[in-house]
């Protein structure tokens, strides 16, 4: 079976973002840039295919754990965080937006890209691209 890899570009907050989505039975991944803001670093995941295929649909709730070098997002119907529900071209558009000093505590200022990988069981791990 052929597992296509698609690459797209999009403009978010006046910056060009390159997005790569790999599809296979076992792995879905999404590469994103980190943006430095006055409120801390920002991770913005706006890839409907990746998020929907991972179960993180618009309006879904999840919990976030922090490790020394990653974020672990786990779907939970009573979760403290919510996947944003935006509409574009009359289609729901899920967005995960992590912003603040807590992001800077995990990723130092030299980090430019992160990879969000769906590992199954409603879990996404976000790590630095090395």
Protein backbone atom coordinates (compact mmCIF):
# COMPACT_ATOMS: atom_id res chain seq x y z
CA UNK A 1 0.00 0.00 0.00
CA UNK A 2 1.26 3.45 -0.89
CA UNK A 3 1.57 5.87 2.07
CA UNK A 4 1.61 9.34 0.53
CA UNK A 5 3.45 12.24 2.10
CA UNK A 6 1.92 15.62 1.40
CA UNK A 7 3.60 18.98 1.86
CA UNK A 8 1.67 22.23 1.81
CA UNK A 9 2.44 25.83 2.60
CA UNK A 10 0.17 28.25 4.38
CA UNK A 11 0.39 31.77 5.74
CA UNK A 12 -0.34 32.08 9.45
CA UNK A 13 0.05 35.39 11.28
CA UNK A 14 2.03 36.84 8.34
CA UNK A 15 4.57 34.04 8.36
CA UNK A 16 5.01 31.22 5.88
CA UNK A 17 4.67 27.78 7.44
CA UNK A 18 5.65 24.56 5.74
CA UNK A 19 3.55 21.60 6.81
CA UNK A 20 4.40 17.97 6.17
CA UNK A 21 1.91 15.22 6.85
CA UNK A 22 3.00 11.59 6.73
CA UNK A 23 0.27 8.98 6.62
CA UNK A 24 0.54 5.33 7.50
CA UNK A 25 -1.45 2.89 9.58
CA UNK A 26 0.77 3.49 12.59
CA UNK A 27 1.98 7.08 12.31
CA UNK A 28 0.55 10.48 11.59
CA UNK A 29 2.82 13.47 12.03
CA UNK A 30 2.78 17.20 11.55
CA UNK A 31 5.78 19.55 11.48
CA UNK A 32 5.23 23.12 12.63
CA UNK A 33 7.31 26.21 13.34
CA UNK A 34 7.63 27.82 16.75
CA UNK A 35 6.79 31.49 16.89
CA UNK A 36 8.36 33.78 19.46
CA UNK A 37 5.79 36.21 20.92
CA UNK A 38 5.73 38.68 23.79
CA UNK A 39 3.73 36.10 25.79
CA UNK A 40 6.27 33.35 25.21
CA UNK A 41 6.69 30.78 22.48
CA UNK A 42 3.71 29.59 20.47
CA UNK A 43 2.92 26.23 18.90
CA UNK A 44 0.08 26.47 16.38
CA UNK A 45 -1.26 23.25 14.86
CA UNK A 46 -3.78 23.96 12.12
CA UNK A 47 -3.82 20.88 9.95
CA UNK A 48 -7.35 19.50 9.68
CA UNK A 49 -6.28 16.21 8.14
CA UNK A 50 -3.71 15.48 10.86
CA UNK A 51 -5.92 16.58 13.76
CA UNK A 52 -9.11 14.90 12.50
CA UNK A 53 -7.31 11.65 11.65
CA UNK A 54 -5.76 11.73 15.15
CA UNK A 55 -9.19 12.18 16.76
CA UNK A 56 -8.52 15.79 17.82
CA UNK A 57 -11.60 17.18 16.10
CA UNK A 58 -12.92 20.70 16.62
CA UNK A 59 -14.44 20.97 20.10
CA UNK A 60 -12.68 17.86 21.46
CA UNK A 61 -11.30 18.10 24.97
CA UNK A 62 -7.83 16.95 25.99
CA UNK A 63 -5.29 17.11 28.78
CA UNK A 64 -1.69 18.21 28.41
CA UNK A 65 1.33 16.84 30.25
CA UNK A 66 4.74 18.46 30.12
CA UNK A 67 8.04 16.60 30.20
CA UNK A 68 11.53 18.08 30.09
CA UNK A 69 11.56 17.96 26.28
CA UNK A 70 7.98 17.44 25.05
CA UNK A 71 4.26 17.98 25.43
CA UNK A 72 1.90 15.03 25.59
CA UNK A 73 -1.69 15.73 24.56
CA UNK A 74 -4.27 13.07 25.43
CA UNK A 75 -7.93 13.10 24.46
CA UNK A 76 -10.23 13.16 27.49
CA UNK A 77 -13.93 14.05 27.38
CA UNK A 78 -13.46 15.96 30.65
CA UNK A 79 -10.08 17.46 29.65
CA UNK A 80 -8.95 20.88 30.81
CA UNK A 81 -8.11 22.07 27.27
CA UNK A 82 -10.21 22.26 24.13
CA UNK A 83 -9.41 21.99 20.43
CA UNK A 84 -10.49 25.32 18.95
CA UNK A 85 -13.45 25.25 16.61
CA UNK A 86 -12.95 27.56 13.65
CA UNK A 87 -14.80 27.56 10.32
CA UNK A 88 -13.19 28.10 6.92
CA UNK A 89 -15.12 27.65 3.67
CA UNK A 90 -18.06 26.28 5.67
CA UNK A 91 -15.89 23.44 7.02
CA UNK A 92 -14.89 22.93 10.66
CA UNK A 93 -11.20 23.65 11.20
CA UNK A 94 -9.64 22.24 14.36
CA UNK A 95 -6.73 24.20 15.87
CA UNK A 96 -4.43 23.42 18.78
CA UNK A 97 -2.81 26.60 20.06
CA UNK A 98 -0.23 26.33 22.85
CA UNK A 99 1.19 29.68 23.88
CA UNK A 100 2.94 31.03 26.92
CA UNK A 101 6.00 30.84 29.11
CA UNK A 102 5.32 27.13 29.71
CA UNK A 103 6.28 26.45 26.07
CA UNK A 104 9.56 28.32 26.57
CA UNK A 105 10.36 26.10 29.55
CA UNK A 106 10.28 23.01 27.32
CA UNK A 107 11.82 24.41 24.12
CA UNK A 108 14.70 26.87 24.28
CA UNK A 109 14.96 29.93 22.04
CA UNK A 110 17.08 28.14 19.43
CA UNK A 111 14.30 25.68 18.56
CA UNK A 112 12.64 26.56 15.25
CA UNK A 113 10.51 23.50 14.44
CA UNK A 114 8.49 20.95 16.37
CA UNK A 115 6.98 17.67 15.29
CA UNK A 116 3.56 16.58 16.51
CA UNK A 117 3.21 12.82 16.21
CA UNK A 118 0.04 10.81 16.82
CA UNK A 119 1.09 7.62 18.59
CA UNK A 120 -2.36 6.05 18.96
CA UNK A 121 -4.82 5.80 21.84
CA UNK A 122 -5.79 9.46 21.49
CA UNK A 123 -2.27 10.74 22.19
CA UNK A 124 -0.12 13.30 20.38
CA UNK A 125 3.50 13.96 21.41
CA UNK A 126 5.06 17.31 20.44
CA UNK A 127 8.88 17.29 20.32
CA UNK A 128 11.69 19.37 18.88
CA UNK A 129 12.73 18.53 15.33
CA UNK A 130 16.42 17.68 15.59
